[in-house]
Amino acid sequence: EVQLVESGGGLVQPGGSLRLSCAASGFTFSSSAMSWARQVPGKQRELVATITSDGGRTHYANSVKGRFTISRDNAKNTMYLQMNSLKPEDTAVYYCNAEGNYWGQGTQVTVSS
């Protein structure tokens, strides 16, 4: 059974940082492209960042480019999203995705003073 478990969300002030983690199991993580997406209630889910199976290539939404960094540790079956210079508009539930097919339960990120 595929499992994706996000963690690391929380409340942070504007300009602050958070690091999200996604622990994966039930599939061959090292062979899978992975992504982070986010969703605000009433809006469509937005793709934030993607990373290839070997971590060699990444892609970011324009809204987070230069502030967020996606990475992975294939030895630990874990993906990360380092989020710096956070803005109130980054407030959302952040989801981990595997190969475009599987989703985690999400972790809430709230940026507010």
Protein backbone atom coordinates (compact mmCIF):
# COMPACT_ATOMS: atom_id res chain seq x y z
CA GLU A 1 0.00 0.00 0.00
CA VAL A 2 1.35 3.39 -1.01
CA GLN A 3 1.68 5.77 1.91
CA LEU A 4 2.78 9.41 1.83
CA VAL A 5 2.95 11.18 5.19
CA GLU A 6 3.62 14.90 5.31
CA SER A 7 4.92 16.71 8.37
CA GLY A 8 6.51 19.99 9.36
CA GLY A 9 3.64 22.39 8.80
CA GLY A 10 2.62 25.03 11.30
CA LEU A 11 2.18 28.70 12.01
CA VAL A 12 5.00 31.04 11.03
CA GLN A 13 5.37 34.80 10.75
CA PRO A 14 5.86 36.48 7.38
CA GLY A 15 9.50 36.25 6.36
CA GLY A 16 9.98 33.06 8.34
CA SER A 17 10.94 29.56 7.25
CA LEU A 18 9.56 26.04 7.46
CA ARG A 19 10.76 22.69 6.21
CA LEU A 20 8.18 20.14 5.16
CA SER A 21 8.91 16.43 4.96
CA CYS A 22 7.17 13.65 3.08
CA ALA A 23 7.88 10.10 4.25
CA ALA A 24 7.10 7.56 1.53
CA SER A 25 6.49 3.81 1.63
CA GLY A 26 4.83 1.07 -0.39
CA PHE A 27 6.50 1.83 -3.72
CA THR A 28 9.94 2.26 -5.21
CA PHE A 29 10.64 5.79 -4.05
CA SER A 30 14.03 6.04 -5.75
CA SER A 31 12.42 5.43 -9.15
CA SER A 32 9.59 7.91 -8.71
CA ALA A 33 9.28 11.55 -9.65
CA MET A 34 7.81 13.48 -6.72
CA SER A 35 6.01 16.76 -6.26
CA TRP A 36 4.67 19.21 -3.74
CA ALA A 37 1.33 20.91 -4.32
CA ARG A 38 -0.80 23.22 -2.21
CA GLN A 39 -4.47 24.07 -1.93
CA VAL A 40 -6.49 26.87 -0.42
CA PRO A 41 -10.16 26.19 0.36
CA GLY A 42 -12.31 26.97 -2.64
CA LYS A 43 -9.39 27.04 -5.05
CA GLN A 44 -7.79 24.49 -7.34
CA ARG A 45 -4.76 22.56 -6.11
CA GLU A 46 -1.57 24.27 -7.31
CA LEU A 47 1.62 22.46 -8.24
CA VAL A 48 4.47 24.06 -6.28
CA ALA A 49 7.59 22.04 -7.10
CA THR A 50 8.67 18.81 -8.74
CA ILE A 51 11.82 16.71 -8.58
CA THR A 52 13.04 13.85 -10.74
CA SER A 53 13.67 10.40 -9.30
CA ASP A 54 17.41 10.99 -8.92
CA GLY A 55 17.01 14.56 -7.71
CA GLY A 56 18.92 15.85 -10.69
CA ARG A 57 16.23 18.16 -12.01
CA THR A 58 13.73 20.36 -10.25
CA HIS A 59 10.97 22.70 -11.34
CA TYR A 60 9.16 25.43 -9.44
CA ALA A 61 6.02 27.47 -9.81
CA ASN A 62 6.83 31.10 -10.50
CA SER A 63 5.14 32.07 -7.25
CA VAL A 64 7.75 30.23 -5.16
CA LYS A 65 10.85 30.33 -7.35
CA GLY A 66 13.87 31.60 -5.42
CA ARG A 67 12.18 31.05 -2.05
CA PHE A 68 11.38 27.31 -1.94
CA THR A 69 13.74 24.39 -2.48
CA ILE A 70 12.63 20.83 -3.15
CA SER A 71 14.99 17.96 -2.35
CA ARG A 72 14.97 14.26 -1.59
CA ASP A 73 16.93 11.59 0.22
CA ASN A 74 16.41 8.30 -1.58
CA ALA A 75 18.20 6.40 1.19
CA LYS A 76 15.53 7.60 3.63
CA ASN A 77 12.56 7.47 1.23
CA THR A 78 11.88 11.08 2.13
CA MET A 79 11.24 14.27 0.19
CA TYR A 80 11.57 17.79 1.57
CA LEU A 81 10.39 21.29 0.84
CA GLN A 82 12.44 24.08 2.37
CA MET A 83 10.33 27.22 2.42
CA ASN A 84 12.02 30.56 3.10
CA SER A 85 10.81 34.16 3.02
CA LEU A 86 7.28 32.96 3.57
CA LYS A 87 4.39 35.23 2.66
CA PRO A 88 0.76 35.24 3.83
CA GLU A 89 -0.25 34.07 0.35
CA ASP A 90 1.74 30.87 0.93
CA THR A 91 -0.89 29.85 3.48
CA ALA A 92 -2.40 26.55 2.31
CA VAL A 93 -2.53 22.84 2.91
CA TYR A 94 0.59 21.34 1.36
CA TYR A 95 0.42 17.88 -0.22
CA CYS A 96 3.04 15.39 -1.26
CA ASN A 97 2.52 13.57 -4.58
CA ALA A 98 4.15 10.52 -6.11
CA GLU A 99 4.25 10.02 -9.87
CA GLY A 100 1.15 12.14 -10.28
CA ASN A 101 -0.98 9.33 -8.90
CA TYR A 102 -0.77 9.22 -5.12
CA TRP A 103 -1.38 11.92 -2.53
CA GLY A 104 -0.64 12.33 1.15
CA GLN A 105 -3.12 13.68 3.68
CA GLY A 106 -1.59 17.16 3.69
CA THR A 107 -0.04 19.45 6.27
CA GLN A 108 -1.31 22.94 7.06
CA VAL A 109 1.01 25.91 6.62
CA THR A 110 -0.20 29.25 7.97
CA VAL A 111 1.79 32.43 7.46
CA SER A 112 0.48 35.19 9.66
CA SER A 113 1.62 37.80 12.14
